[in-house]
Amino acid sequence: MSGWVYIMASKRNGTIYTGVTSDLQGRAYEHRTSATRGFASRYGCTLLVWYERHDSIVEAIAREKELKKWRRDWKLHLIEGFNPDWGDLFEVCYEKDNPADAIRARQNGI
């Protein structure tokens, strides 16, 4: 079973939440709708701004633990390298090309 590590944000440079899941779209939807109570819902972390796929959930959990030890500025740099505009990647999170490019293409009607 594959796994995903992801970061949700309240807004650009706002509060961020790092998590792990085996169902990225389902979990992001739960964050977006505040379906579960916790840190992310309390601070309005509803935007999926970064994610990384792993071949196994065990690998994803290890990576999440690693990222949670990172300083905030390192995480912001990670997000901006993947998604410079901090666009919400929820709708495109399973597309194979760069999701930030996919968002820009949709916004430009391409």
N, C-alpha and C. Protein backbone atom coordinates (compact mmCIF):
# COMPACT_ATOMS: atom_id res chain seq x y z
N MET A 1 0.84 -1.18 0.00
CA MET A 1 0.00 0.00 0.00
C MET A 1 0.89 1.24 0.00
N SER A 2 0.62 2.15 -0.93
CA SER A 2 1.42 3.37 -0.99
C SER A 2 0.95 4.35 0.08
N GLY A 3 1.77 5.36 0.31
CA GLY A 3 1.45 6.37 1.30
C GLY A 3 1.81 7.74 0.80
N TRP A 4 1.24 8.73 1.42
CA TRP A 4 1.46 10.13 1.06
C TRP A 4 1.82 10.92 2.30
N VAL A 5 2.79 11.80 2.17
CA VAL A 5 3.08 12.80 3.18
C VAL A 5 2.59 14.11 2.56
N TYR A 6 1.96 14.94 3.36
CA TYR A 6 1.35 16.15 2.79
C TYR A 6 1.46 17.30 3.78
N ILE A 7 1.30 18.51 3.24
CA ILE A 7 1.25 19.71 4.08
C ILE A 7 0.00 20.48 3.70
N MET A 8 -0.79 20.81 4.72
CA MET A 8 -1.96 21.66 4.58
C MET A 8 -1.59 23.02 5.16
N ALA A 9 -2.18 24.09 4.62
CA ALA A 9 -1.90 25.44 5.12
C ALA A 9 -3.19 26.23 5.25
N SER A 10 -3.16 27.23 6.12
CA SER A 10 -4.31 28.11 6.29
C SER A 10 -4.32 29.18 5.20
N LYS A 11 -3.14 29.58 4.75
CA LYS A 11 -2.95 30.58 3.70
C LYS A 11 -1.45 30.62 3.39
N ARG A 12 -1.06 31.40 2.41
CA ARG A 12 0.36 31.53 2.10
C ARG A 12 1.11 32.01 3.35
N ASN A 13 2.15 31.30 3.72
CA ASN A 13 2.97 31.60 4.89
C ASN A 13 2.18 31.59 6.20
N GLY A 14 1.01 30.95 6.19
CA GLY A 14 0.20 30.86 7.41
C GLY A 14 0.55 29.63 8.21
N THR A 15 -0.40 29.18 8.99
CA THR A 15 -0.22 27.98 9.80
C THR A 15 -0.13 26.78 8.87
N ILE A 16 0.79 25.87 9.15
CA ILE A 16 0.93 24.66 8.33
C ILE A 16 0.80 23.42 9.19
N TYR A 17 0.32 22.36 8.56
CA TYR A 17 0.14 21.07 9.22
C TYR A 17 0.73 20.00 8.33
N THR A 18 1.55 19.14 8.89
CA THR A 18 2.15 18.04 8.15
C THR A 18 1.48 16.74 8.58
N GLY A 19 1.07 15.93 7.59
CA GLY A 19 0.40 14.68 7.91
C GLY A 19 0.81 13.56 6.97
N VAL A 20 0.26 12.37 7.23
CA VAL A 20 0.52 11.19 6.42
C VAL A 20 -0.79 10.44 6.24
N THR A 21 -0.95 9.80 5.08
CA THR A 21 -2.19 9.08 4.79
C THR A 21 -1.96 8.08 3.67
N SER A 22 -2.88 7.15 3.54
CA SER A 22 -2.87 6.25 2.39
C SER A 22 -3.87 6.72 1.33
N ASP A 23 -4.68 7.73 1.64
CA ASP A 23 -5.71 8.27 0.73
C ASP A 23 -5.61 9.79 0.74
N LEU A 24 -4.79 10.35 -0.14
CA LEU A 24 -4.51 11.78 -0.13
C LEU A 24 -5.76 12.62 -0.36
N GLN A 25 -6.53 12.32 -1.40
CA GLN A 25 -7.71 13.13 -1.68
C GLN A 25 -8.73 13.02 -0.55
N GLY A 26 -8.94 11.83 -0.04
CA GLY A 26 -9.90 11.66 1.05
C GLY A 26 -9.49 12.42 2.30
N ARG A 27 -8.22 12.35 2.64
CA ARG A 27 -7.74 13.03 3.85
C ARG A 27 -7.75 14.54 3.66
N ALA A 28 -7.35 15.01 2.47
CA ALA A 28 -7.39 16.45 2.21
C ALA A 28 -8.82 16.96 2.28
N TYR A 29 -9.76 16.17 1.78
CA TYR A 29 -11.18 16.54 1.84
C TYR A 29 -11.63 16.67 3.30
N GLU A 30 -11.20 15.74 4.13
CA GLU A 30 -11.54 15.83 5.56
C GLU A 30 -11.01 17.12 6.17
N HIS A 31 -9.79 17.51 5.81
CA HIS A 31 -9.23 18.77 6.31
C HIS A 31 -10.04 19.96 5.79
N ARG A 32 -10.37 19.93 4.51
CA ARG A 32 -11.11 21.04 3.89
C ARG A 32 -12.47 21.27 4.53
N THR A 33 -13.10 20.19 4.96
CA THR A 33 -14.45 20.29 5.51
C THR A 33 -14.46 20.24 7.04
N SER A 34 -13.29 20.22 7.66
CA SER A 34 -13.16 20.12 9.12
C SER A 34 -13.95 18.93 9.67
N ALA A 35 -13.90 17.81 8.94
CA ALA A 35 -14.63 16.60 9.33
C ALA A 35 -14.11 16.00 10.63
N THR A 36 -12.84 16.21 10.90
CA THR A 36 -12.28 15.72 12.15
C THR A 36 -11.69 16.89 12.94
N ARG A 37 -11.87 16.84 14.22
CA ARG A 37 -11.35 17.90 15.07
C ARG A 37 -9.86 17.68 15.33
N GLY A 38 -9.14 18.76 15.43
CA GLY A 38 -7.72 18.66 15.71
C GLY A 38 -7.01 19.94 15.32
N PHE A 39 -5.71 19.87 15.27
CA PHE A 39 -4.88 21.04 14.98
C PHE A 39 -5.28 21.70 13.66
N ALA A 40 -5.37 20.91 12.59
CA ALA A 40 -5.63 21.47 11.27
C ALA A 40 -6.98 22.19 11.21
N SER A 41 -8.02 21.62 11.79
CA SER A 41 -9.32 22.28 11.76
C SER A 41 -9.34 23.49 12.69
N ARG A 42 -8.67 23.40 13.82
CA ARG A 42 -8.63 24.52 14.76
C ARG A 42 -7.96 25.75 14.15
N TYR A 43 -6.94 25.53 13.31
CA TYR A 43 -6.20 26.65 12.72
C TYR A 43 -6.53 26.90 11.25
N GLY A 44 -7.56 26.26 10.74
CA GLY A 44 -8.03 26.54 9.38
C GLY A 44 -7.09 26.08 8.28
N CYS A 45 -6.39 24.99 8.49
CA CYS A 45 -5.47 24.45 7.47
C CYS A 45 -6.29 23.65 6.46
N THR A 46 -6.77 24.33 5.44
CA THR A 46 -7.66 23.71 4.46
C THR A 46 -7.07 23.62 3.05
N LEU A 47 -5.91 24.20 2.84
CA LEU A 47 -5.28 24.20 1.51
C LEU A 47 -4.20 23.13 1.44
N LEU A 48 -4.32 22.23 0.49
CA LEU A 48 -3.27 21.23 0.24
C LEU A 48 -2.19 21.92 -0.59
N VAL A 49 -1.02 22.17 0.02
CA VAL A 49 0.01 22.95 -0.66
C VAL A 49 1.25 22.16 -1.04
N TRP A 50 1.39 20.96 -0.51
CA TRP A 50 2.56 20.13 -0.83
C TRP A 50 2.21 18.69 -0.54
N TYR A 51 2.78 17.77 -1.34
CA TYR A 51 2.63 16.34 -1.05
C TYR A 51 3.75 15.56 -1.70
N GLU A 52 3.93 14.34 -1.22
CA GLU A 52 4.97 13.46 -1.72
C GLU A 52 4.47 12.03 -1.60
N ARG A 53 4.55 11.27 -2.69
CA ARG A 53 4.10 9.88 -2.70
C ARG A 53 5.25 8.95 -2.35
N HIS A 54 4.93 7.91 -1.60
CA HIS A 54 5.91 6.88 -1.24
C HIS A 54 5.34 5.51 -1.58
N ASP A 55 6.22 4.58 -1.89
CA ASP A 55 5.78 3.24 -2.29
C ASP A 55 5.09 2.48 -1.17
N SER A 56 5.39 2.83 0.08
CA SER A 56 4.73 2.15 1.20
C SER A 56 4.35 3.17 2.26
N ILE A 57 3.33 2.82 3.03
CA ILE A 57 2.90 3.70 4.11
C ILE A 57 3.98 3.80 5.18
N VAL A 58 4.77 2.73 5.35
CA VAL A 58 5.87 2.75 6.32
C VAL A 58 6.89 3.81 5.94
N GLU A 59 7.24 3.89 4.65
CA GLU A 59 8.17 4.92 4.17
C GLU A 59 7.58 6.31 4.38
N ALA A 60 6.28 6.45 4.10
CA ALA A 60 5.62 7.75 4.26
C ALA A 60 5.63 8.19 5.72
N ILE A 61 5.38 7.27 6.63
CA ILE A 61 5.39 7.61 8.06
C ILE A 61 6.79 8.05 8.49
N ALA A 62 7.81 7.36 8.01
CA ALA A 62 9.19 7.73 8.34
C ALA A 62 9.50 9.14 7.83
N ARG A 63 9.06 9.45 6.62
CA ARG A 63 9.30 10.78 6.03
C ARG A 63 8.54 11.85 6.81
N GLU A 64 7.30 11.55 7.20
CA GLU A 64 6.52 12.52 7.98
C GLU A 64 7.25 12.83 9.29
N LYS A 65 7.74 11.82 9.96
CA LYS A 65 8.46 12.03 11.22
C LYS A 65 9.69 12.91 11.00
N GLU A 66 10.37 12.68 9.87
CA GLU A 66 11.54 13.48 9.52
C GLU A 66 11.14 14.95 9.32
N LEU A 67 10.08 15.17 8.53
CA LEU A 67 9.64 16.54 8.25
C LEU A 67 9.16 17.26 9.49
N LYS A 68 8.53 16.55 10.39
CA LYS A 68 8.03 17.19 11.61
C LYS A 68 9.17 17.71 12.49
N LYS A 69 10.39 17.22 12.27
CA LYS A 69 11.56 17.71 13.01
C LYS A 69 12.17 18.94 12.35
N TRP A 70 11.79 19.20 11.10
CA TRP A 70 12.36 20.33 10.36
C TRP A 70 11.92 21.66 10.96
N ARG A 71 12.77 22.66 10.78
CA ARG A 71 12.40 24.02 11.15
C ARG A 71 11.34 24.53 10.17
N ARG A 72 10.54 25.47 10.62
CA ARG A 72 9.46 26.03 9.80
C ARG A 72 9.98 26.59 8.48
N ASP A 73 11.08 27.34 8.51
CA ASP A 73 11.58 27.95 7.28
C ASP A 73 11.99 26.89 6.26
N TRP A 74 12.46 25.74 6.71
CA TRP A 74 12.80 24.66 5.77
C TRP A 74 11.53 24.13 5.11
N LYS A 75 10.46 24.00 5.89
CA LYS A 75 9.19 23.52 5.33
C LYS A 75 8.62 24.53 4.33
N LEU A 76 8.73 25.81 4.63
CA LEU A 76 8.25 26.84 3.70
C LEU A 76 9.03 26.77 2.39
N HIS A 77 10.33 26.55 2.49
CA HIS A 77 11.17 26.41 1.29
C HIS A 77 10.75 25.17 0.49
N LEU A 78 10.45 24.09 1.17
CA LEU A 78 9.99 22.86 0.52
C LEU A 78 8.69 23.12 -0.25
N ILE A 79 7.75 23.80 0.39
CA ILE A 79 6.47 24.13 -0.26
C ILE A 79 6.72 25.00 -1.48
N GLU A 80 7.49 26.05 -1.34
CA GLU A 80 7.70 26.99 -2.44
C GLU A 80 8.47 26.38 -3.60
N GLY A 81 9.29 25.39 -3.34
CA GLY A 81 9.98 24.70 -4.43
C GLY A 81 9.04 23.83 -5.24
N PHE A 82 8.00 23.34 -4.63
CA PHE A 82 7.03 22.44 -5.26
C PHE A 82 5.82 23.20 -5.79
N ASN A 83 5.43 24.25 -5.08
CA ASN A 83 4.20 24.97 -5.37
C ASN A 83 4.43 26.46 -5.09
N PRO A 84 5.17 27.15 -5.97
CA PRO A 84 5.59 28.53 -5.69
C PRO A 84 4.46 29.52 -5.41
N ASP A 85 3.30 29.27 -5.97
CA ASP A 85 2.17 30.19 -5.77
C ASP A 85 1.28 29.80 -4.60
N TRP A 86 1.62 28.71 -3.93
CA TRP A 86 0.83 28.19 -2.81
C TRP A 86 -0.61 27.92 -3.24
N GLY A 87 -0.79 27.45 -4.47
CA GLY A 87 -2.13 27.10 -4.94
C GLY A 87 -2.64 25.87 -4.22
N ASP A 88 -3.97 25.74 -4.14
CA ASP A 88 -4.58 24.58 -3.52
C ASP A 88 -4.49 23.41 -4.50
N LEU A 89 -3.77 22.37 -4.14
CA LEU A 89 -3.50 21.24 -5.03
C LEU A 89 -4.55 20.13 -4.93
N PHE A 90 -5.61 20.36 -4.19
CA PHE A 90 -6.61 19.32 -3.95
C PHE A 90 -7.17 18.74 -5.24
N GLU A 91 -7.55 19.58 -6.18
CA GLU A 91 -8.18 19.11 -7.41
C GLU A 91 -7.21 18.39 -8.35
N VAL A 92 -5.93 18.62 -8.19
CA VAL A 92 -4.95 18.07 -9.14
C VAL A 92 -3.94 17.12 -8.48
N CYS A 93 -4.20 16.69 -7.28
CA CYS A 93 -3.17 15.97 -6.53
C CYS A 93 -2.84 14.59 -7.07
N TYR A 94 -3.59 14.07 -8.01
CA TYR A 94 -3.24 12.78 -8.59
C TYR A 94 -2.75 12.91 -10.04
N GLU A 95 -2.63 14.14 -10.54
CA GLU A 95 -2.12 14.32 -11.90
C GLU A 95 -0.62 14.05 -11.92
N LYS A 96 -0.13 13.49 -13.02
CA LYS A 96 1.27 13.08 -13.09
C LYS A 96 2.25 14.22 -13.28
N ASP A 97 1.82 15.27 -13.98
CA ASP A 97 2.73 16.39 -14.16
C ASP A 97 2.75 17.24 -12.89
N ASN A 98 3.54 18.29 -12.91
CA ASN A 98 3.66 19.16 -11.76
C ASN A 98 2.30 19.74 -11.42
N PRO A 99 1.79 19.50 -10.21
CA PRO A 99 0.45 19.97 -9.87
C PRO A 99 0.31 21.49 -9.90
N ALA A 100 1.36 22.22 -9.56
CA ALA A 100 1.29 23.67 -9.61
C ALA A 100 1.10 24.13 -11.06
N ASP A 101 1.78 23.47 -12.02
CA ASP A 101 1.59 23.79 -13.43
C ASP A 101 0.17 23.47 -13.87
N ALA A 102 -0.38 22.38 -13.38
CA ALA A 102 -1.75 22.01 -13.72
C ALA A 102 -2.74 23.04 -13.23
N ILE A 103 -2.52 23.59 -12.06
CA ILE A 103 -3.41 24.64 -11.53
C ILE A 103 -3.34 25.88 -12.41
N ARG A 104 -2.13 26.30 -12.76
CA ARG A 104 -1.99 27.49 -13.61
C ARG A 104 -2.66 27.27 -14.96
N ALA A 105 -2.52 26.07 -15.52
CA ALA A 105 -3.15 25.77 -16.81
C ALA A 105 -4.67 25.87 -16.70
N ARG A 106 -5.23 25.35 -15.62
CA ARG A 106 -6.69 25.43 -15.43
C ARG A 106 -7.14 26.87 -15.27
N GLN A 107 -6.37 27.66 -14.54
CA GLN A 107 -6.73 29.06 -14.32
C GLN A 107 -6.66 29.84 -15.63
N ASN A 108 -5.77 29.45 -16.53
CA ASN A 108 -5.61 30.13 -17.82
C ASN A 108 -6.48 29.52 -18.91
N GLY A 109 -7.30 28.55 -18.55
CA GLY A 109 -8.21 27.93 -19.52
C GLY A 109 -7.54 27.03 -20.52
N ILE A 110 -6.39 26.48 -20.18
CA ILE A 110 -5.65 25.61 -21.10
C ILE A 110 -6.10 24.18 -20.89
